[in-house]
Amino acid sequence: MGKAKTDEITPLQRKTLEAICRFVDAKGFPPTVKELSEIFEISPASAHDRINQLVRKGYLKREDGKSRGIAVARRPSEMAASLVSVPVVGMVAAGCPILAEENIIGQVLVESNVVRSGQHFALRAVGDSMVGAGINDGDLIIVRQQPIAEDGDIVVALLNNEATVKRLKIKDELIELVPENPEVRKIQIRPEDDLRVLGKVVAVRHKQGR
């Protein structure tokens, strides 16, 4: 009897893998077992079982010591995402176009379905103010360039000529830049402040070795 091909996955396994891939493409990190169970409205034990099946067939791999302890090892060929190059910006300064040649220090490949429309750029995150959103010190954040954003968006903004990455909160006349770390204070925008939204964070690429 021949050995079964690892590529042969059931429709349910494929659906699970596709959901995990979409989550990774959108957020830059994999879902937890709890998040996966909520996506499919199943028990955490059932979600854990689905993950184990995909690990055994080589589509997912375990990453010990991490809270989000799985990674996509490979996708079926028809699911493989095409990649596009996004410029990595070394600095953001007032009055200087983000994508000016002198600001671009490299390129990063990003799945095309993440950067479907508009111009995008990448920035290296500094500090731990957004760890609760899965953005750690040294990670690359992928940003869609846009001058406006909605309540709840994670944005790259210039506040009084200093660049920052925070969650935008808008309620009536009150505008705040809110960190995802309880040890970091939120920033309440005053009438005299100069706040400019540069773009919305659409994905995260974690620093190698994380």
N, C-alpha and C. Protein backbone atom coordinates (compact mmCIF):
# COMPACT_ATOMS: atom_id res chain seq x y z
N MET A 1 0.84 -1.20 0.00
CA MET A 1 0.00 0.00 0.00
C MET A 1 0.88 1.24 0.00
N GLY A 2 0.52 2.20 -0.85
CA GLY A 2 1.32 3.40 -0.94
C GLY A 2 1.01 4.37 0.18
N LYS A 3 1.94 5.21 0.44
CA LYS A 3 1.77 6.23 1.49
C LYS A 3 0.86 7.35 0.96
N ALA A 4 -0.08 7.80 1.78
CA ALA A 4 -1.01 8.86 1.38
C ALA A 4 -0.26 10.16 1.17
N LYS A 5 -0.68 10.90 0.17
CA LYS A 5 -0.06 12.19 -0.10
C LYS A 5 -0.44 13.20 0.97
N THR A 6 0.55 13.94 1.45
CA THR A 6 0.24 14.95 2.47
C THR A 6 -0.57 16.09 1.89
N ASP A 7 -0.52 16.28 0.55
CA ASP A 7 -1.28 17.36 -0.08
C ASP A 7 -2.79 17.12 -0.01
N GLU A 8 -3.19 15.85 0.20
CA GLU A 8 -4.60 15.53 0.17
C GLU A 8 -5.25 15.95 1.49
N ILE A 9 -5.95 17.07 1.45
CA ILE A 9 -6.64 17.53 2.64
C ILE A 9 -8.14 17.56 2.34
N THR A 10 -8.91 17.37 3.39
CA THR A 10 -10.36 17.34 3.24
C THR A 10 -10.89 18.76 3.01
N PRO A 11 -12.12 18.88 2.51
CA PRO A 11 -12.71 20.22 2.34
C PRO A 11 -12.73 21.02 3.65
N LEU A 12 -12.99 20.35 4.76
CA LEU A 12 -13.01 21.05 6.04
C LEU A 12 -11.62 21.53 6.43
N GLN A 13 -10.61 20.71 6.19
CA GLN A 13 -9.23 21.12 6.48
C GLN A 13 -8.81 22.29 5.59
N ARG A 14 -9.23 22.23 4.32
CA ARG A 14 -8.91 23.32 3.40
C ARG A 14 -9.57 24.63 3.87
N LYS A 15 -10.81 24.52 4.28
CA LYS A 15 -11.54 25.71 4.76
C LYS A 15 -10.84 26.30 5.98
N THR A 16 -10.36 25.43 6.86
CA THR A 16 -9.64 25.89 8.05
C THR A 16 -8.33 26.56 7.66
N LEU A 17 -7.58 25.93 6.75
CA LEU A 17 -6.31 26.50 6.30
C LEU A 17 -6.52 27.84 5.62
N GLU A 18 -7.55 27.94 4.79
CA GLU A 18 -7.83 29.21 4.11
C GLU A 18 -8.15 30.31 5.12
N ALA A 19 -8.90 29.98 6.17
CA ALA A 19 -9.24 30.97 7.19
C ALA A 19 -7.99 31.44 7.93
N ILE A 20 -7.09 30.50 8.22
CA ILE A 20 -5.84 30.87 8.90
C ILE A 20 -4.99 31.75 7.99
N CYS A 21 -4.92 31.41 6.70
CA CYS A 21 -4.14 32.21 5.74
C CYS A 21 -4.71 33.62 5.62
N ARG A 22 -6.04 33.73 5.55
CA ARG A 22 -6.66 35.06 5.46
C ARG A 22 -6.35 35.88 6.70
N PHE A 23 -6.39 35.24 7.87
CA PHE A 23 -6.08 35.92 9.13
C PHE A 23 -4.65 36.44 9.10
N VAL A 24 -3.72 35.57 8.67
CA VAL A 24 -2.30 35.95 8.61
C VAL A 24 -2.09 37.09 7.61
N ASP A 25 -2.74 37.00 6.44
CA ASP A 25 -2.58 38.03 5.42
C ASP A 25 -3.08 39.39 5.92
N ALA A 26 -4.17 39.36 6.69
CA ALA A 26 -4.78 40.62 7.15
C ALA A 26 -4.04 41.22 8.33
N LYS A 27 -3.55 40.38 9.24
CA LYS A 27 -3.01 40.88 10.50
C LYS A 27 -1.50 40.71 10.64
N GLY A 28 -0.92 39.81 9.85
CA GLY A 28 0.52 39.61 9.94
C GLY A 28 0.94 38.60 10.97
N PHE A 29 -0.02 38.00 11.67
CA PHE A 29 0.28 36.96 12.65
C PHE A 29 -0.88 35.96 12.67
N PRO A 30 -0.63 34.72 13.13
CA PRO A 30 -1.67 33.69 13.06
C PRO A 30 -2.70 33.84 14.18
N PRO A 31 -3.87 33.23 14.01
CA PRO A 31 -4.87 33.27 15.08
C PRO A 31 -4.50 32.33 16.22
N THR A 32 -4.99 32.64 17.40
CA THR A 32 -4.87 31.71 18.52
C THR A 32 -5.94 30.62 18.35
N VAL A 33 -5.83 29.57 19.13
CA VAL A 33 -6.84 28.52 19.11
C VAL A 33 -8.21 29.11 19.44
N LYS A 34 -8.23 30.01 20.41
CA LYS A 34 -9.50 30.63 20.82
C LYS A 34 -10.09 31.45 19.68
N GLU A 35 -9.25 32.22 18.99
CA GLU A 35 -9.75 33.02 17.87
C GLU A 35 -10.26 32.14 16.74
N LEU A 36 -9.56 31.04 16.49
CA LEU A 36 -9.99 30.13 15.44
C LEU A 36 -11.33 29.47 15.81
N SER A 37 -11.47 29.14 17.08
CA SER A 37 -12.74 28.55 17.52
C SER A 37 -13.88 29.53 17.37
N GLU A 38 -13.61 30.83 17.58
CA GLU A 38 -14.65 31.85 17.42
C GLU A 38 -14.99 32.06 15.95
N ILE A 39 -13.98 31.99 15.07
CA ILE A 39 -14.23 32.16 13.63
C ILE A 39 -15.20 31.09 13.13
N PHE A 40 -14.99 29.84 13.57
CA PHE A 40 -15.81 28.73 13.08
C PHE A 40 -16.96 28.36 14.02
N GLU A 41 -17.02 29.06 15.17
CA GLU A 41 -18.06 28.78 16.16
C GLU A 41 -18.03 27.32 16.58
N ILE A 42 -16.82 26.89 16.94
CA ILE A 42 -16.62 25.53 17.43
C ILE A 42 -15.87 25.61 18.76
N SER A 43 -15.73 24.50 19.43
CA SER A 43 -15.02 24.50 20.71
C SER A 43 -13.52 24.65 20.49
N PRO A 44 -12.80 25.19 21.48
CA PRO A 44 -11.34 25.26 21.35
C PRO A 44 -10.71 23.89 21.11
N ALA A 45 -11.30 22.85 21.70
CA ALA A 45 -10.75 21.49 21.49
C ALA A 45 -10.87 21.08 20.02
N SER A 46 -12.00 21.42 19.40
CA SER A 46 -12.18 21.09 17.98
C SER A 46 -11.22 21.89 17.12
N ALA A 47 -11.02 23.18 17.46
CA ALA A 47 -10.09 24.01 16.71
C ALA A 47 -8.67 23.46 16.85
N HIS A 48 -8.32 23.02 18.06
CA HIS A 48 -6.99 22.44 18.30
C HIS A 48 -6.81 21.19 17.46
N ASP A 49 -7.85 20.40 17.34
CA ASP A 49 -7.79 19.17 16.54
C ASP A 49 -7.57 19.50 15.06
N ARG A 50 -8.25 20.52 14.56
CA ARG A 50 -8.07 20.92 13.15
C ARG A 50 -6.63 21.38 12.90
N ILE A 51 -6.08 22.12 13.85
CA ILE A 51 -4.69 22.57 13.72
C ILE A 51 -3.75 21.37 13.66
N ASN A 52 -3.97 20.41 14.56
CA ASN A 52 -3.11 19.22 14.59
C ASN A 52 -3.14 18.47 13.27
N GLN A 53 -4.32 18.38 12.66
CA GLN A 53 -4.44 17.68 11.37
C GLN A 53 -3.60 18.38 10.30
N LEU A 54 -3.63 19.72 10.29
CA LEU A 54 -2.88 20.47 9.29
C LEU A 54 -1.38 20.46 9.58
N VAL A 55 -1.02 20.35 10.85
CA VAL A 55 0.40 20.20 11.21
C VAL A 55 0.92 18.85 10.69
N ARG A 56 0.13 17.80 10.90
CA ARG A 56 0.55 16.46 10.45
C ARG A 56 0.71 16.39 8.93
N LYS A 57 -0.08 17.17 8.20
CA LYS A 57 -0.02 17.15 6.75
C LYS A 57 0.94 18.20 6.18
N GLY A 58 1.64 18.90 7.07
CA GLY A 58 2.72 19.79 6.63
C GLY A 58 2.31 21.19 6.22
N TYR A 59 1.05 21.55 6.45
CA TYR A 59 0.60 22.89 6.05
C TYR A 59 0.82 23.93 7.15
N LEU A 60 0.80 23.49 8.39
CA LEU A 60 1.10 24.36 9.53
C LEU A 60 2.29 23.78 10.27
N LYS A 61 2.99 24.62 11.01
CA LYS A 61 4.08 24.15 11.86
C LYS A 61 3.97 24.80 13.23
N ARG A 62 4.45 24.10 14.21
CA ARG A 62 4.44 24.60 15.59
C ARG A 62 5.61 25.56 15.81
N GLU A 63 5.36 26.59 16.60
CA GLU A 63 6.43 27.52 17.00
C GLU A 63 6.39 27.59 18.52
N ASP A 64 7.22 26.78 19.16
CA ASP A 64 7.21 26.67 20.61
C ASP A 64 7.61 27.99 21.27
N GLY A 65 7.02 28.23 22.43
CA GLY A 65 7.38 29.41 23.21
C GLY A 65 6.68 30.68 22.80
N LYS A 66 5.75 30.59 21.86
CA LYS A 66 5.02 31.77 21.41
C LYS A 66 3.55 31.63 21.76
N SER A 67 2.91 32.76 22.10
CA SER A 67 1.50 32.72 22.44
C SER A 67 0.66 32.33 21.24
N ARG A 68 1.11 32.74 20.05
CA ARG A 68 0.46 32.33 18.80
C ARG A 68 1.37 31.29 18.16
N GLY A 69 1.25 30.06 18.66
CA GLY A 69 2.28 29.06 18.41
C GLY A 69 2.17 28.26 17.14
N ILE A 70 1.54 28.82 16.09
CA ILE A 70 1.52 28.14 14.80
C ILE A 70 1.96 29.11 13.72
N ALA A 71 2.38 28.54 12.60
CA ALA A 71 2.73 29.35 11.43
C ALA A 71 2.35 28.56 10.19
N VAL A 72 2.03 29.29 9.13
CA VAL A 72 1.71 28.63 7.86
C VAL A 72 3.02 28.17 7.23
N ALA A 73 3.16 26.85 7.07
CA ALA A 73 4.38 26.29 6.48
C ALA A 73 4.32 26.33 4.96
N ARG A 74 3.16 26.08 4.41
CA ARG A 74 2.97 26.15 2.97
C ARG A 74 1.48 26.16 2.67
N ARG A 75 1.17 26.61 1.47
CA ARG A 75 -0.21 26.66 1.02
C ARG A 75 -0.35 25.74 -0.20
N PRO A 76 -1.54 25.20 -0.44
CA PRO A 76 -1.75 24.50 -1.71
C PRO A 76 -1.42 25.44 -2.86
N SER A 77 -0.92 24.90 -3.97
CA SER A 77 -0.44 25.74 -5.06
C SER A 77 -1.47 26.74 -5.54
N GLU A 78 -2.76 26.33 -5.57
CA GLU A 78 -3.78 27.26 -6.05
C GLU A 78 -4.09 28.36 -5.05
N MET A 79 -3.59 28.20 -3.81
CA MET A 79 -3.80 29.22 -2.79
C MET A 79 -2.60 30.14 -2.64
N ALA A 80 -1.51 29.83 -3.32
CA ALA A 80 -0.29 30.62 -3.15
C ALA A 80 -0.55 32.07 -3.52
N ALA A 81 -0.19 32.97 -2.62
CA ALA A 81 -0.44 34.39 -2.84
C ALA A 81 0.67 34.99 -3.70
N SER A 82 0.28 35.83 -4.66
CA SER A 82 1.30 36.56 -5.41
C SER A 82 1.84 37.68 -4.53
N LEU A 83 3.10 38.01 -4.75
CA LEU A 83 3.77 38.98 -3.89
C LEU A 83 4.08 40.25 -4.66
N VAL A 84 3.98 41.38 -3.98
CA VAL A 84 4.35 42.66 -4.56
C VAL A 84 5.36 43.34 -3.63
N SER A 85 6.16 44.20 -4.19
CA SER A 85 7.21 44.88 -3.43
C SER A 85 6.68 46.19 -2.85
N VAL A 86 6.89 46.38 -1.56
CA VAL A 86 6.47 47.60 -0.87
C VAL A 86 7.71 48.29 -0.31
N PRO A 87 7.86 49.61 -0.54
CA PRO A 87 9.05 50.30 -0.05
C PRO A 87 9.08 50.43 1.47
N VAL A 88 10.25 50.20 2.04
CA VAL A 88 10.46 50.41 3.48
C VAL A 88 11.01 51.82 3.66
N VAL A 89 10.32 52.61 4.48
CA VAL A 89 10.67 54.01 4.67
C VAL A 89 11.51 54.15 5.94
N GLY A 90 12.61 54.83 5.81
CA GLY A 90 13.51 54.97 6.95
C GLY A 90 13.18 56.13 7.86
N MET A 91 12.47 57.12 7.33
CA MET A 91 12.12 58.26 8.17
C MET A 91 10.83 58.88 7.67
N VAL A 92 10.10 59.50 8.58
CA VAL A 92 8.89 60.25 8.24
C VAL A 92 9.05 61.63 8.83
N ALA A 93 9.03 62.64 8.00
CA ALA A 93 9.25 64.00 8.49
C ALA A 93 8.20 64.93 7.90
N ALA A 94 7.91 65.99 8.61
CA ALA A 94 6.93 66.97 8.15
C ALA A 94 7.43 67.63 6.87
N GLY A 95 6.54 67.78 5.91
CA GLY A 95 6.87 68.50 4.68
C GLY A 95 7.62 67.68 3.66
N CYS A 96 7.98 66.44 3.99
CA CYS A 96 8.73 65.60 3.05
C CYS A 96 7.84 64.45 2.61
N PRO A 97 7.64 64.25 1.31
CA PRO A 97 6.80 63.14 0.85
C PRO A 97 7.30 61.81 1.41
N ILE A 98 6.37 60.99 1.89
CA ILE A 98 6.74 59.73 2.53
C ILE A 98 7.60 58.88 1.62
N LEU A 99 7.18 58.80 0.35
CA LEU A 99 7.87 57.90 -0.58
C LEU A 99 8.93 58.62 -1.42
N ALA A 100 9.44 59.74 -0.92
CA ALA A 100 10.56 60.39 -1.60
C ALA A 100 11.75 59.44 -1.62
N GLU A 101 12.50 59.50 -2.71
CA GLU A 101 13.59 58.54 -2.93
C GLU A 101 14.56 58.49 -1.75
N GLU A 102 14.84 59.65 -1.16
CA GLU A 102 15.82 59.68 -0.07
C GLU A 102 15.31 59.02 1.21
N ASN A 103 13.98 58.78 1.30
CA ASN A 103 13.42 58.14 2.49
C ASN A 103 13.40 56.62 2.40
N ILE A 104 13.50 56.07 1.20
CA ILE A 104 13.32 54.64 1.01
C ILE A 104 14.64 53.91 1.26
N ILE A 105 14.61 52.97 2.21
CA ILE A 105 15.84 52.28 2.60
C ILE A 105 15.84 50.81 2.19
N GLY A 106 14.74 50.33 1.61
CA GLY A 106 14.69 48.94 1.18
C GLY A 106 13.31 48.59 0.68
N GLN A 107 13.08 47.30 0.50
CA GLN A 107 11.80 46.79 0.00
C GLN A 107 11.41 45.56 0.82
N VAL A 108 10.11 45.31 0.93
CA VAL A 108 9.61 44.10 1.56
C VAL A 108 8.53 43.51 0.65
N LEU A 109 8.51 42.18 0.53
CA LEU A 109 7.50 41.52 -0.29
C LEU A 109 6.26 41.24 0.55
N VAL A 110 5.10 41.66 0.01
CA VAL A 110 3.83 41.54 0.72
C VAL A 110 2.82 40.88 -0.21
N GLU A 111 1.94 40.05 0.34
CA GLU A 111 0.91 39.40 -0.46
C GLU A 111 0.05 40.47 -1.15
N SER A 112 -0.25 40.23 -2.42
CA SER A 112 -0.99 41.22 -3.21
C SER A 112 -2.39 41.48 -2.67
N ASN A 113 -2.99 40.46 -2.03
CA ASN A 113 -4.34 40.68 -1.50
C ASN A 113 -4.34 41.56 -0.26
N VAL A 114 -3.17 41.79 0.33
CA VAL A 114 -3.07 42.70 1.48
C VAL A 114 -3.00 44.15 1.00
N VAL A 115 -2.37 44.36 -0.15
CA VAL A 115 -2.17 45.72 -0.68
C VAL A 115 -2.94 45.87 -1.99
N ARG A 116 -4.23 45.61 -1.92
CA ARG A 116 -5.04 45.55 -3.14
C ARG A 116 -5.17 46.89 -3.85
N SER A 117 -5.30 47.98 -3.12
CA SER A 117 -5.53 49.28 -3.76
C SER A 117 -4.77 50.37 -3.02
N GLY A 118 -4.39 51.41 -3.77
CA GLY A 118 -3.69 52.54 -3.16
C GLY A 118 -2.19 52.31 -3.04
N GLN A 119 -1.50 53.36 -2.57
CA GLN A 119 -0.06 53.26 -2.34
C GLN A 119 0.20 52.77 -0.93
N HIS A 120 1.23 51.96 -0.79
CA HIS A 120 1.58 51.41 0.52
C HIS A 120 3.07 51.63 0.81
N PHE A 121 3.39 51.69 2.08
CA PHE A 121 4.79 51.76 2.51
C PHE A 121 4.92 50.96 3.79
N ALA A 122 6.15 50.67 4.17
CA ALA A 122 6.42 49.91 5.39
C ALA A 122 7.33 50.73 6.30
N LEU A 123 7.12 50.58 7.60
CA LEU A 123 7.93 51.25 8.61
C LEU A 123 8.36 50.24 9.66
N ARG A 124 9.52 50.45 10.24
CA ARG A 124 9.99 49.61 11.33
C ARG A 124 9.43 50.15 12.65
N ALA A 125 8.69 49.33 13.37
CA ALA A 125 8.12 49.76 14.65
C ALA A 125 9.22 49.91 15.70
N VAL A 126 9.07 50.93 16.53
CA VAL A 126 10.04 51.18 17.60
C VAL A 126 9.28 51.25 18.93
N GLY A 127 9.73 50.47 19.90
CA GLY A 127 9.09 50.50 21.21
C GLY A 127 8.00 49.46 21.35
N ASP A 128 7.37 49.45 22.53
CA ASP A 128 6.39 48.40 22.86
C ASP A 128 5.00 48.96 23.14
N SER A 129 4.70 50.15 22.62
CA SER A 129 3.41 50.76 22.93
C SER A 129 2.23 50.07 22.27
N MET A 130 2.48 49.21 21.25
CA MET A 130 1.38 48.57 20.52
C MET A 130 1.45 47.04 20.60
N VAL A 131 2.07 46.53 21.65
CA VAL A 131 2.23 45.07 21.76
C VAL A 131 0.89 44.36 21.82
N GLY A 132 -0.11 44.99 22.40
CA GLY A 132 -1.43 44.37 22.51
C GLY A 132 -2.09 44.17 21.17
N ALA A 133 -1.64 44.88 20.15
CA ALA A 133 -2.16 44.73 18.79
C ALA A 133 -1.26 43.84 17.95
N GLY A 134 -0.28 43.18 18.59
CA GLY A 134 0.62 42.29 17.87
C GLY A 134 1.74 42.99 17.16
N ILE A 135 2.00 44.26 17.52
CA ILE A 135 3.10 45.04 16.91
C ILE A 135 4.21 45.17 17.95
N ASN A 136 5.32 44.50 17.72
CA ASN A 136 6.43 44.50 18.66
C ASN A 136 7.59 45.34 18.15
N ASP A 137 8.48 45.67 19.04
CA ASP A 137 9.66 46.46 18.69
C ASP A 137 10.45 45.74 17.59
N GLY A 138 10.72 46.45 16.49
CA GLY A 138 11.48 45.88 15.39
C GLY A 138 10.64 45.27 14.29
N ASP A 139 9.33 45.10 14.51
CA ASP A 139 8.46 44.57 13.46
C ASP A 139 8.31 45.58 12.33
N LEU A 140 8.01 45.08 11.14
CA LEU A 140 7.66 45.94 10.02
C LEU A 140 6.15 46.06 9.95
N ILE A 141 5.66 47.29 9.90
CA ILE A 141 4.23 47.50 9.73
C ILE A 141 3.98 47.95 8.29
N ILE A 142 2.96 47.36 7.67
CA ILE A 142 2.59 47.69 6.30
C ILE A 142 1.44 48.70 6.38
N VAL A 143 1.61 49.83 5.69
CA VAL A 143 0.70 50.95 5.85
C VAL A 143 0.13 51.38 4.49
N ARG A 144 -1.20 51.51 4.42
CA ARG A 144 -1.81 52.09 3.23
C ARG A 144 -1.84 53.61 3.40
N GLN A 145 -1.23 54.30 2.45
CA GLN A 145 -1.12 55.75 2.54
C GLN A 145 -2.50 56.39 2.34
N GLN A 146 -2.96 57.14 3.34
CA GLN A 146 -4.25 57.82 3.25
C GLN A 146 -4.29 58.93 4.29
N PRO A 147 -4.95 60.06 3.98
CA PRO A 147 -4.93 61.21 4.88
C PRO A 147 -6.03 61.19 5.94
N ILE A 148 -6.95 60.23 5.84
CA ILE A 148 -8.03 60.15 6.83
C ILE A 148 -8.13 58.72 7.33
N ALA A 149 -8.76 58.55 8.49
CA ALA A 149 -8.95 57.23 9.06
C ALA A 149 -10.22 57.26 9.91
N GLU A 150 -10.69 56.07 10.26
CA GLU A 150 -11.91 55.95 11.03
C GLU A 150 -11.60 55.58 12.47
N ASP A 151 -12.57 55.80 13.33
CA ASP A 151 -12.45 55.44 14.74
C ASP A 151 -12.09 53.96 14.86
N GLY A 152 -11.04 53.66 15.62
CA GLY A 152 -10.61 52.28 15.83
C GLY A 152 -9.49 51.82 14.93
N ASP A 153 -9.18 52.58 13.87
CA ASP A 153 -8.08 52.21 12.98
C ASP A 153 -6.73 52.38 13.69
N ILE A 154 -5.79 51.49 13.39
CA ILE A 154 -4.40 51.72 13.82
C ILE A 154 -3.73 52.53 12.72
N VAL A 155 -3.17 53.67 13.10
CA VAL A 155 -2.66 54.61 12.10
C VAL A 155 -1.20 54.96 12.37
N VAL A 156 -0.54 55.41 11.30
CA VAL A 156 0.72 56.12 11.42
C VAL A 156 0.37 57.60 11.28
N ALA A 157 0.75 58.39 12.26
CA ALA A 157 0.38 59.81 12.26
C ALA A 157 1.57 60.67 12.60
N LEU A 158 1.51 61.90 12.13
CA LEU A 158 2.47 62.91 12.56
C LEU A 158 1.77 63.78 13.58
N LEU A 159 2.29 63.79 14.79
CA LEU A 159 1.75 64.64 15.85
C LEU A 159 2.82 65.66 16.21
N ASN A 160 2.54 66.90 15.86
CA ASN A 160 3.51 67.97 16.09
C ASN A 160 4.88 67.60 15.53
N ASN A 161 4.84 67.08 14.28
CA ASN A 161 6.04 66.74 13.49
C ASN A 161 6.78 65.49 13.98
N GLU A 162 6.18 64.73 14.89
CA GLU A 162 6.79 63.47 15.32
C GLU A 162 5.90 62.31 14.91
N ALA A 163 6.48 61.30 14.29
CA ALA A 163 5.71 60.15 13.82
C ALA A 163 5.39 59.22 14.98
N THR A 164 4.19 58.65 14.96
CA THR A 164 3.78 57.71 16.00
C THR A 164 2.81 56.70 15.40
N VAL A 165 2.77 55.51 16.00
CA VAL A 165 1.82 54.47 15.60
C VAL A 165 0.90 54.22 16.79
N LYS A 166 -0.39 54.47 16.60
CA LYS A 166 -1.36 54.31 17.69
C LYS A 166 -2.72 53.98 17.10
N ARG A 167 -3.64 53.59 17.99
CA ARG A 167 -5.03 53.38 17.57
C ARG A 167 -5.77 54.71 17.68
N LEU A 168 -6.45 55.09 16.61
CA LEU A 168 -7.18 56.35 16.56
C LEU A 168 -8.55 56.18 17.20
N LYS A 169 -8.86 57.05 18.15
CA LYS A 169 -10.16 57.04 18.79
C LYS A 169 -10.81 58.41 18.60
N ILE A 170 -12.03 58.39 18.05
CA ILE A 170 -12.75 59.63 17.77
C ILE A 170 -14.13 59.53 18.42
N LYS A 171 -14.45 60.47 19.29
CA LYS A 171 -15.77 60.52 19.90
C LYS A 171 -16.19 61.98 20.03
N ASP A 172 -17.17 62.35 19.21
CA ASP A 172 -17.62 63.75 19.15
C ASP A 172 -16.43 64.66 18.83
N GLU A 173 -16.11 65.57 19.73
CA GLU A 173 -15.00 66.49 19.50
C GLU A 173 -13.67 65.95 20.03
N LEU A 174 -13.73 64.82 20.72
CA LEU A 174 -12.52 64.28 21.35
C LEU A 174 -11.79 63.32 20.40
N ILE A 175 -10.50 63.59 20.20
CA ILE A 175 -9.65 62.71 19.39
C ILE A 175 -8.48 62.25 20.26
N GLU A 176 -8.25 60.94 20.27
CA GLU A 176 -7.15 60.39 21.06
C GLU A 176 -6.32 59.42 20.22
N LEU A 177 -5.04 59.34 20.54
CA LEU A 177 -4.15 58.32 20.01
C LEU A 177 -3.87 57.36 21.17
N VAL A 178 -4.38 56.14 21.02
CA VAL A 178 -4.40 55.22 22.16
C VAL A 178 -3.43 54.07 21.93
N PRO A 179 -2.52 53.83 22.88
CA PRO A 179 -1.59 52.69 22.76
C PRO A 179 -2.30 51.38 23.09
N GLU A 180 -1.67 50.27 22.74
CA GLU A 180 -2.17 48.94 23.09
C GLU A 180 -1.22 48.34 24.13
N ASN A 181 -0.97 49.11 25.16
CA ASN A 181 -0.10 48.71 26.26
C ASN A 181 -0.53 49.51 27.49
N PRO A 182 -1.01 48.84 28.54
CA PRO A 182 -1.53 49.57 29.71
C PRO A 182 -0.48 50.42 30.42
N GLU A 183 0.80 50.17 30.13
CA GLU A 183 1.86 50.94 30.78
C GLU A 183 2.18 52.24 30.04
N VAL A 184 1.56 52.43 28.87
CA VAL A 184 1.82 53.63 28.07
C VAL A 184 0.57 54.51 28.07
N ARG A 185 0.76 55.79 28.30
CA ARG A 185 -0.38 56.71 28.40
C ARG A 185 -0.92 57.04 27.02
N LYS A 186 -2.24 57.19 26.95
CA LYS A 186 -2.86 57.63 25.70
C LYS A 186 -2.62 59.12 25.51
N ILE A 187 -2.74 59.57 24.28
CA ILE A 187 -2.49 60.97 23.94
C ILE A 187 -3.81 61.62 23.53
N GLN A 188 -4.21 62.62 24.27
CA GLN A 188 -5.41 63.36 23.92
C GLN A 188 -5.01 64.57 23.08
N ILE A 189 -5.62 64.68 21.91
CA ILE A 189 -5.26 65.74 20.98
C ILE A 189 -5.89 67.07 21.41
N ARG A 190 -5.05 68.08 21.56
CA ARG A 190 -5.51 69.41 21.96
C ARG A 190 -5.77 70.26 20.72
N PRO A 191 -6.57 71.32 20.85
CA PRO A 191 -6.87 72.17 19.69
C PRO A 191 -5.61 72.73 19.02
N GLU A 192 -4.57 72.99 19.82
CA GLU A 192 -3.35 73.58 19.25
C GLU A 192 -2.41 72.55 18.63
N ASP A 193 -2.71 71.25 18.79
CA ASP A 193 -1.84 70.21 18.23
C ASP A 193 -2.00 70.12 16.71
N ASP A 194 -0.91 69.77 16.06
CA ASP A 194 -0.92 69.53 14.61
C ASP A 194 -0.90 68.03 14.39
N LEU A 195 -2.07 67.46 14.06
CA LEU A 195 -2.19 66.03 13.85
C LEU A 195 -2.49 65.75 12.39
N ARG A 196 -1.65 64.92 11.77
CA ARG A 196 -1.88 64.51 10.39
C ARG A 196 -1.77 63.00 10.26
N VAL A 197 -2.83 62.38 9.75
CA VAL A 197 -2.81 60.94 9.50
C VAL A 197 -2.05 60.69 8.21
N LEU A 198 -1.07 59.79 8.27
CA LEU A 198 -0.28 59.44 7.09
C LEU A 198 -0.78 58.15 6.45
N GLY A 199 -1.38 57.27 7.24
CA GLY A 199 -1.87 56.03 6.67
C GLY A 199 -2.42 55.10 7.73
N LYS A 200 -3.05 54.04 7.25
CA LYS A 200 -3.66 53.02 8.10
C LYS A 200 -2.82 51.74 8.04
N VAL A 201 -2.54 51.17 9.20
CA VAL A 201 -1.79 49.91 9.26
C VAL A 201 -2.69 48.77 8.78
N VAL A 202 -2.22 48.02 7.78
CA VAL A 202 -3.03 46.94 7.20
C VAL A 202 -2.43 45.56 7.47
N ALA A 203 -1.17 45.51 7.89
CA ALA A 203 -0.54 44.20 8.16
C ALA A 203 0.74 44.42 8.96
N VAL A 204 1.22 43.34 9.53
CA VAL A 204 2.46 43.36 10.33
C VAL A 204 3.35 42.20 9.88
N ARG A 205 4.64 42.47 9.75
CA ARG A 205 5.60 41.42 9.45
C ARG A 205 6.57 41.38 10.64
N HIS A 206 6.53 40.27 11.37
CA HIS A 206 7.30 40.19 12.60
C HIS A 206 8.80 40.06 12.32
N LYS A 207 9.55 40.65 13.22
CA LYS A 207 11.00 40.60 13.15
C LYS A 207 11.46 39.15 13.19
N GLN A 208 12.42 38.79 12.36
CA GLN A 208 12.90 37.42 12.30
C GLN A 208 13.41 36.98 13.66
N GLY A 209 13.09 35.73 14.01
CA GLY A 209 13.51 35.20 15.29
C GLY A 209 12.49 35.41 16.38
N ARG A 210 11.38 36.13 16.05
CA ARG A 210 10.35 36.34 17.06
C ARG A 210 9.38 35.16 17.08
